[in-house]
Every structure is written in C-alpha cells, then in structure tokens.
PDB file of N, CA and C in Angstrom:
ATOM      1  N   MET A   1       2.961  14.011 -44.628  1.00  0.00           N
ATOM      2  CA  MET A   1       3.700  14.721 -43.877  1.00  0.00           C
ATOM      3  C   MET A   1       4.410  14.922 -42.450  1.00  0.00           C
ATOM      4  N   THR A   2       4.871  14.625 -41.841  1.00  0.00           N
ATOM      5  CA  THR A   2       5.114  13.791 -41.161  1.00  0.00           C
ATOM      6  C   THR A   2       6.080  14.812 -40.091  1.00  0.00           C
ATOM      7  N   ALA A   3       5.087  14.196 -38.536  1.00  0.00           N
ATOM      8  CA  ALA A   3       5.832  15.889 -37.469  1.00  0.00           C
ATOM      9  C   ALA A   3       6.887  15.476 -36.909  1.00  0.00           C
ATOM     10  N   MET A   4       7.864  16.271 -36.336  1.00  0.00           N
ATOM     11  CA  MET A   4       9.271  16.031 -35.950  1.00  0.00           C
ATOM     12  C   MET A   4       9.318  15.516 -34.734  1.00  0.00           C
ATOM     13  N   MET A   5       9.629  15.236 -33.801  1.00  0.00           N
ATOM     14  CA  MET A   5       9.594  15.741 -32.145  1.00  0.00           C
ATOM     15  C   MET A   5      11.109  15.787 -31.203  1.00  0.00           C
ATOM     16  N   LEU A   6      11.498  15.894 -30.350  1.00  0.00           N
ATOM     17  CA  LEU A   6      13.026  15.811 -29.905  1.00  0.00           C
ATOM     18  C   LEU A   6      12.243  15.265 -28.858  1.00  0.00           C
ATOM     19  N   PRO A   7      13.254  13.610 -28.484  1.00  0.00           N
ATOM     20  CA  PRO A   7      12.959  12.857 -26.761  1.00  0.00           C
ATOM     21  C   PRO A   7      12.500  14.160 -25.416  1.00  0.00           C
ATOM     22  N   GLU A   8      13.209  14.806 -25.956  1.00  0.00           N
ATOM     23  CA  GLU A   8      12.831  15.634 -24.784  1.00  0.00           C
ATOM     24  C   GLU A   8      11.507  16.181 -24.351  1.00  0.00           C
ATOM     25  N   HIS A   9      10.887  16.337 -25.762  1.00  0.00           N
ATOM     26  CA  HIS A   9       9.826  16.278 -25.657  1.00  0.00           C
ATOM     27  C   HIS A   9       8.818  15.417 -25.453  1.00  0.00           C
ATOM     28  N   VAL A  10       8.525  14.485 -26.042  1.00  0.00           N
ATOM     29  CA  VAL A  10       8.097  13.317 -25.579  1.00  0.00           C
ATOM     30  C   VAL A  10       7.851  13.147 -24.635  1.00  0.00           C
ATOM     31  N   LYS A  11       9.181  12.995 -24.094  1.00  0.00           N
ATOM     32  CA  LYS A  11       9.112  13.116 -22.770  1.00  0.00           C
ATOM     33  C   LYS A  11       7.979  13.614 -21.849  1.00  0.00           C
ATOM     34  N   LEU A  12       8.590  14.445 -22.424  1.00  0.00           N
ATOM     35  CA  LEU A  12       7.714  16.218 -21.517  1.00  0.00           C
ATOM     36  C   LEU A  12       5.780  15.507 -21.243  1.00  0.00           C
ATOM     37  N   LEU A  13       5.985  15.587 -22.457  1.00  0.00           N
ATOM     38  CA  LEU A  13       4.563  15.271 -22.849  1.00  0.00           C
ATOM     39  C   LEU A  13       4.326  13.860 -22.654  1.00  0.00           C
ATOM     40  N   ARG A  14       4.341  12.344 -22.327  1.00  0.00           N
ATOM     41  CA  ARG A  14       4.155  11.715 -21.398  1.00  0.00           C
ATOM     42  C   ARG A  14       4.431  11.798 -20.068  1.00  0.00           C
ATOM     43  N   GLU A  15       4.627  12.670 -19.514  1.00  0.00           N
ATOM     44  CA  GLU A  15       4.601  12.882 -18.208  1.00  0.00           C
ATOM     45  C   GLU A  15       3.719  13.906 -17.791  1.00  0.00           C
ATOM     46  N   TYR A  16       3.328  14.425 -18.545  1.00  0.00           N
ATOM     47  CA  TYR A  16       2.369  15.168 -19.047  1.00  0.00           C
ATOM     48  C   TYR A  16       1.149  14.426 -18.775  1.00  0.00           C
ATOM     49  N   ASP A  17       1.182  14.046 -19.794  1.00  0.00           N
ATOM     50  CA  ASP A  17      -0.332  12.734 -19.504  1.00  0.00           C
ATOM     51  C   ASP A  17      -0.349  12.436 -18.563  1.00  0.00           C
ATOM     52  N   LEU A  18       0.650  11.108 -17.696  1.00  0.00           N
ATOM     53  CA  LEU A  18       0.238  10.762 -16.783  1.00  0.00           C
ATOM     54  C   LEU A  18       0.362  10.991 -15.667  1.00  0.00           C
ATOM     55  N   ASP A  19       0.011  12.764 -15.982  1.00  0.00           N
ATOM     56  CA  ASP A  19       0.417  13.576 -14.525  1.00  0.00           C
ATOM     57  C   ASP A  19      -1.182  13.898 -14.033  1.00  0.00           C
ATOM     58  N   GLN A  20      -2.347  14.047 -16.180  1.00  0.00           N
ATOM     59  CA  GLN A  20      -2.858  14.835 -15.621  1.00  0.00           C
ATOM     60  C   GLN A  20      -4.195  12.877 -15.298  1.00  0.00           C
ATOM     61  N   SER A  21      -3.641  11.586 -15.979  1.00  0.00           N
ATOM     62  CA  SER A  21      -4.818  10.584 -15.954  1.00  0.00           C
ATOM     63  C   SER A  21      -4.833  10.479 -14.614  1.00  0.00           C
ATOM     64  N   LYS A  22      -3.770  10.918 -12.917  1.00  0.00           N
ATOM     65  CA  LYS A  22      -3.629  10.100 -11.787  1.00  0.00           C
ATOM     66  C   LYS A  22      -4.568  10.730 -11.259  1.00  0.00           C
ATOM     67  N   LYS A  23      -4.583  10.030 -10.609  1.00  0.00           N
ATOM     68  CA  LYS A  23      -6.431  10.236  -9.889  1.00  0.00           C
ATOM     69  C   LYS A  23      -5.796  10.390  -7.909  1.00  0.00           C
ATOM     70  N   VAL A  24      -6.290  11.347  -7.582  1.00  0.00           N
ATOM     71  CA  VAL A  24      -6.872  12.369  -6.295  1.00  0.00           C
ATOM     72  C   VAL A  24      -6.968  11.112  -5.109  1.00  0.00           C
ATOM     73  N   LYS A  25      -6.260  10.934  -3.506  1.00  0.00           N
ATOM     74  CA  LYS A  25      -7.151   9.910  -2.737  1.00  0.00           C
ATOM     75  C   LYS A  25      -7.730  11.314  -2.190  1.00  0.00           C
ATOM     76  N   PRO A  26      -8.884  10.681  -2.212  1.00  0.00           N
ATOM     77  CA  PRO A  26     -10.009  12.200  -1.021  1.00  0.00           C
ATOM     78  C   PRO A  26      -9.911  11.838   0.636  1.00  0.00           C
ATOM     79  N   GLU A  27      -9.991  12.686   1.217  1.00  0.00           N
ATOM     80  CA  GLU A  27      -9.986  13.244   2.097  1.00  0.00           C
ATOM     81  C   GLU A  27     -11.043  12.749   2.959  1.00  0.00           C
ATOM     82  N   LEU A  28     -11.476  13.154   3.771  1.00  0.00           N
ATOM     83  CA  LEU A  28     -12.188  12.111   4.235  1.00  0.00           C
ATOM     84  C   LEU A  28     -13.015  12.773   6.099  1.00  0.00           C
ATOM     85  N   ASP A  29     -13.287  14.033   5.963  1.00  0.00           N
ATOM     86  CA  ASP A  29     -13.276  14.578   7.367  1.00  0.00           C
ATOM     87  C   ASP A  29     -14.242  13.602   8.482  1.00  0.00           C
ATOM     88  N   GLU A  30     -14.702  14.511   9.759  1.00  0.00           N
ATOM     89  CA  GLU A  30     -15.470  14.115  10.837  1.00  0.00           C
ATOM     90  C   GLU A  30     -16.855  13.594  10.659  1.00  0.00           C
ATOM     91  N   GLN A  31     -17.358  14.314  10.399  1.00  0.00           N
ATOM     92  CA  GLN A  31     -18.423  13.990   9.552  1.00  0.00           C
ATOM     93  C   GLN A  31     -19.043  12.711   8.528  1.00  0.00           C
ATOM     94  N   GLN A  32     -18.127  12.893   7.357  1.00  0.00           N
ATOM     95  CA  GLN A  32     -18.160  12.085   6.895  1.00  0.00           C
ATOM     96  C   GLN A  32     -17.671  10.001   7.442  1.00  0.00           C
ATOM     97  N   LEU A  33     -17.105  10.172   8.194  1.00  0.00           N
ATOM     98  CA  LEU A  33     -16.061   9.034   8.608  1.00  0.00           C
ATOM     99  C   LEU A  33     -17.239   8.667  10.170  1.00  0.00           C
ATOM    100  N   GLU A  34     -17.919   9.833  10.062  1.00  0.00           N
ATOM    101  CA  GLU A  34     -19.185   9.387  11.007  1.00  0.00           C
ATOM    102  C   GLU A  34     -20.432   8.302  10.925  1.00  0.00           C
ATOM    103  N   LEU A  35     -21.305   9.334   9.580  1.00  0.00           N
ATOM    104  CA  LEU A  35     -21.800   8.819   8.916  1.00  0.00           C
ATOM    105  C   LEU A  35     -21.734   7.434   8.010  1.00  0.00           C
ATOM    106  N   PHE A  36     -20.208   7.250   8.110  1.00  0.00           N
ATOM    107  CA  PHE A  36     -19.725   5.853   7.678  1.00  0.00           C
ATOM    108  C   PHE A  36     -19.931   4.756   8.632  1.00  0.00           C
ATOM    109  N   GLU A  37     -19.425   5.564   9.442  1.00  0.00           N
ATOM    110  CA  GLU A  37     -19.684   3.949  10.777  1.00  0.00           C
ATOM    111  C   GLU A  37     -20.761   3.510  11.001  1.00  0.00           C
ATOM    112  N   LYS A  38     -22.279   4.723  11.081  1.00  0.00           N
ATOM    113  CA  LYS A  38     -23.761   4.316  11.110  1.00  0.00           C
ATOM    114  C   LYS A  38     -23.727   3.930  10.413  1.00  0.00           C
ATOM    115  N   THR A  39     -23.290   4.255   8.724  1.00  0.00           N
ATOM    116  CA  THR A  39     -24.254   3.512   7.599  1.00  0.00           C
ATOM    117  C   THR A  39     -23.803   1.377   8.207  1.00  0.00           C
ATOM    118  N   ILE A  40     -22.603   1.797   8.022  1.00  0.00           N
ATOM    119  CA  ILE A  40     -21.979  -0.808   8.453  1.00  0.00           C
ATOM    120  C   ILE A  40     -23.006  -0.112   9.563  1.00  0.00           C
ATOM    121  N   CYS A  41     -22.626  -0.352  10.812  1.00  0.00           N
ATOM    122  CA  CYS A  41     -23.717  -0.339  11.746  1.00  0.00           C
ATOM    123  C   CYS A  41     -25.678  -1.069  11.296  1.00  0.00           C
ATOM    124  N   GLU A  42     -26.058   0.537  10.953  1.00  0.00           N
ATOM    125  CA  GLU A  42     -27.382  -0.394  10.575  1.00  0.00           C
ATOM    126  C   GLU A  42     -27.134  -1.728   9.381  1.00  0.00           C
ATOM    127  N   ALA A  43     -25.718  -1.493   8.659  1.00  0.00           N
ATOM    128  CA  ALA A  43     -26.187  -3.374   7.358  1.00  0.00           C
ATOM    129  C   ALA A  43     -25.961  -3.986   8.670  1.00  0.00           C
ATOM    130  N   MET A  44     -24.762  -3.924   9.301  1.00  0.00           N
ATOM    131  CA  MET A  44     -24.823  -4.739  10.552  1.00  0.00           C
ATOM    132  C   MET A  44     -25.551  -4.835  10.235  1.00  0.00           C
ATOM    133  N   ALA A  45     -27.214  -4.408  11.131  1.00  0.00           N
ATOM    134  CA  ALA A  45     -28.107  -5.371  11.969  1.00  0.00           C
ATOM    135  C   ALA A  45     -28.905  -5.636  11.273  1.00  0.00           C
ATOM    136  N   GLY A  46     -29.172  -4.633   9.977  1.00  0.00           N
ATOM    137  CA  GLY A  46     -29.861  -5.383   8.953  1.00  0.00           C
ATOM    138  C   GLY A  46     -30.087  -6.314   8.326  1.00  0.00           C
ATOM    139  N   ASP A  47     -28.552  -6.992   8.113  1.00  0.00           N
ATOM    140  CA  ASP A  47     -27.814  -8.414   7.822  1.00  0.00           C
ATOM    141  C   ASP A  47     -27.864  -8.031   6.326  1.00  0.00           C
ATOM    142  N   SER A  48     -27.869  -6.305   5.884  1.00  0.00           N
ATOM    143  CA  SER A  48     -27.672  -6.142   4.348  1.00  0.00           C
ATOM    144  C   SER A  48     -26.723  -6.352   3.550  1.00  0.00           C
ATOM    145  N   TYR A  49     -26.440  -5.978   2.551  1.00  0.00           N
ATOM    146  CA  TYR A  49     -24.986  -5.966   0.926  1.00  0.00           C
ATOM    147  C   TYR A  49     -24.896  -4.288   1.985  1.00  0.00           C
ATOM    148  N   LEU A  50     -22.941  -4.375   1.508  1.00  0.00           N
ATOM    149  CA  LEU A  50     -22.238  -2.555   0.968  1.00  0.00           C
ATOM    150  C   LEU A  50     -21.846  -2.806   0.456  1.00  0.00           C
ATOM    151  N   SER A  51     -21.362  -1.470  -0.406  1.00  0.00           N
ATOM    152  CA  SER A  51     -20.261  -1.199  -1.238  1.00  0.00           C
ATOM    153  C   SER A  51     -19.099  -0.932  -1.193  1.00  0.00           C
ATOM    154  N   PHE A  52     -18.551  -1.063  -1.070  1.00  0.00           N
ATOM    155  CA  PHE A  52     -17.579  -0.027  -0.359  1.00  0.00           C
ATOM    156  C   PHE A  52     -16.677   0.661  -1.829  1.00  0.00           C
ATOM    157  N   THR A  53     -16.183   1.433  -1.482  1.00  0.00           N
ATOM    158  CA  THR A  53     -14.937   1.636  -2.545  1.00  0.00           C
ATOM    159  C   THR A  53     -13.610   2.527  -1.496  1.00  0.00           C
ATOM    160  N   TYR A  54     -12.737   1.823  -2.006  1.00  0.00           N
ATOM    161  CA  TYR A  54     -11.832   2.457  -1.557  1.00  0.00           C
ATOM    162  C   TYR A  54     -10.310   2.965  -2.812  1.00  0.00           C
ATOM    163  N   PHE A  55      -9.740   3.754  -2.595  1.00  0.00           N
ATOM    164  CA  PHE A  55      -7.638   4.029  -2.566  1.00  0.00           C
ATOM    165  C   PHE A  55      -6.896   3.401  -2.183  1.00  0.00           C
ATOM    166  N   LYS A  56      -6.414   2.955  -2.914  1.00  0.00           N
ATOM    167  CA  LYS A  56      -4.729   1.822  -3.676  1.00  0.00           C
ATOM    168  C   LYS A  56      -4.495   2.041  -4.580  1.00  0.00           C
ATOM    169  N   HIS A  57      -3.496   2.207  -4.518  1.00  0.00           N
ATOM    170  CA  HIS A  57      -2.008   2.055  -5.963  1.00  0.00           C
ATOM    171  C   HIS A  57      -2.483   3.228  -6.563  1.00  0.00           C
ATOM    172  N   ASP A  58      -2.445   4.499  -6.208  1.00  0.00           N
ATOM    173  CA  ASP A  58      -3.356   5.154  -7.437  1.00  0.00           C
ATOM    174  C   ASP A  58      -4.541   5.016  -8.004  1.00  0.00           C
ATOM    175  N   ASP A  59      -5.521   4.057  -7.493  1.00  0.00           N
ATOM    176  CA  ASP A  59      -7.007   3.845  -8.259  1.00  0.00           C
ATOM    177  C   ASP A  59      -8.063   3.487  -7.293  1.00  0.00           C
ATOM    178  N   PHE A  60      -8.672   3.856  -7.402  1.00  0.00           N
ATOM    179  CA  PHE A  60     -10.185   3.692  -6.615  1.00  0.00           C
ATOM    180  C   PHE A  60     -10.864   1.333  -7.443  1.00  0.00           C
ATOM    181  N   HIS A  61     -10.861   1.155  -6.053  1.00  0.00           N
ATOM    182  CA  HIS A  61     -11.327  -0.428  -6.136  1.00  0.00           C
ATOM    183  C   HIS A  61     -12.991   0.588  -5.632  1.00  0.00           C
ATOM    184  N   VAL A  62     -13.449  -1.353  -5.868  1.00  0.00           N
ATOM    185  CA  VAL A  62     -14.760  -1.234  -5.367  1.00  0.00           C
ATOM    186  C   VAL A  62     -15.023  -3.159  -4.260  1.00  0.00           C
ATOM    187  N   LEU A  63     -15.780  -2.944  -3.450  1.00  0.00           N
ATOM    188  CA  LEU A  63     -15.596  -4.806  -2.865  1.00  0.00           C
ATOM    189  C   LEU A  63     -16.992  -4.251  -2.315  1.00  0.00           C
ATOM    190  N   ILE A  64     -17.559  -5.139  -2.675  1.00  0.00           N
ATOM    191  CA  ILE A  64     -19.338  -5.566  -2.012  1.00  0.00           C
ATOM    192  C   ILE A  64     -19.217  -6.790  -1.512  1.00  0.00           C
ATOM    193  N   GLY A  65     -20.018  -6.417   0.102  1.00  0.00           N
ATOM    194  CA  GLY A  65     -20.218  -7.864   0.594  1.00  0.00           C
ATOM    195  C   GLY A  65     -21.265  -6.750   2.044  1.00  0.00           C
ATOM    196  N   LYS A  66     -21.272  -7.811   2.804  1.00  0.00           N
ATOM    197  CA  LYS A  66     -21.948  -8.001   4.509  1.00  0.00           C
ATOM    198  C   LYS A  66     -20.936  -8.365   5.168  1.00  0.00           C
ATOM    199  N   VAL A  67     -20.303  -7.267   6.076  1.00  0.00           N
ATOM    200  CA  VAL A  67     -19.495  -6.675   7.460  1.00  0.00           C
ATOM    201  C   VAL A  67     -20.042  -8.076   8.491  1.00  0.00           C
ATOM    202  N   HIS A  68     -19.787  -8.046   8.728  1.00  0.00           N
ATOM    203  CA  HIS A  68     -19.722  -9.145  10.153  1.00  0.00           C
ATOM    204  C   HIS A  68     -19.004  -8.745  11.481  1.00  0.00           C
ATOM    205  N   PHE A  69     -17.960  -7.824  11.695  1.00  0.00           N
ATOM    206  CA  PHE A  69     -17.424  -7.622  12.847  1.00  0.00           C
ATOM    207  C   PHE A  69     -16.427  -6.224  12.162  1.00  0.00           C
ATOM    208  N   ILE A  70     -16.730  -5.537  13.097  1.00  0.00           N
ATOM    209  CA  ILE A  70     -15.280  -4.087  13.090  1.00  0.00           C
ATOM    210  C   ILE A  70     -14.553  -4.350  14.306  1.00  0.00           C
ATOM    211  N   ASP A  71     -13.461  -3.958  13.663  1.00  0.00           N
ATOM    212  CA  ASP A  71     -12.370  -4.270  15.428  1.00  0.00           C
ATOM    213  C   ASP A  71     -11.415  -2.512  15.434  1.00  0.00           C
ATOM    214  N   ALA A  72     -12.507  -1.971  16.026  1.00  0.00           N
ATOM    215  CA  ALA A  72     -11.836  -0.698  15.978  1.00  0.00           C
ATOM    216  C   ALA A  72     -11.135  -0.747  16.655  1.00  0.00           C
TER     217      ALA A  72
END
C-alpha cells in the first residue's frame, strides 16, 4: 500500500520540519555579560584557554583558544 500526498501537504510538512529544527539565538542579560567579562579577564590573567559558543547563521559554533586582548 502506498500513501499519496498532495504537493501542498508535502510543502507544508517540509516547512514544519524546518521550523522545528531551527535554533533560537539566546538573549543575554546584564548579569551574564558581566560574568563573561570577569571570566575572560581571569583567563587572560592566568593565560588560560577558553571555550566560546556563539550563534551565527542559525546555528551554534564553538571556538577554543586564549584571549590576549579585548577591544571594548
């Protein structure tokens, strides 16, 4: 037995699937930003590595490294 679907239904199902897999950019508050700044300053002073997760092109990416300078 084969299921048949109208092209309009297929299009709607694909759009629904795309919407469900879309990631949302997080909004940071002042406390989180202050904590990030403190953590970065401590890592710079201790010459430590940091792991940054950032949002770009509807997806999350990871960057690992040392921070040597911040241009505020």
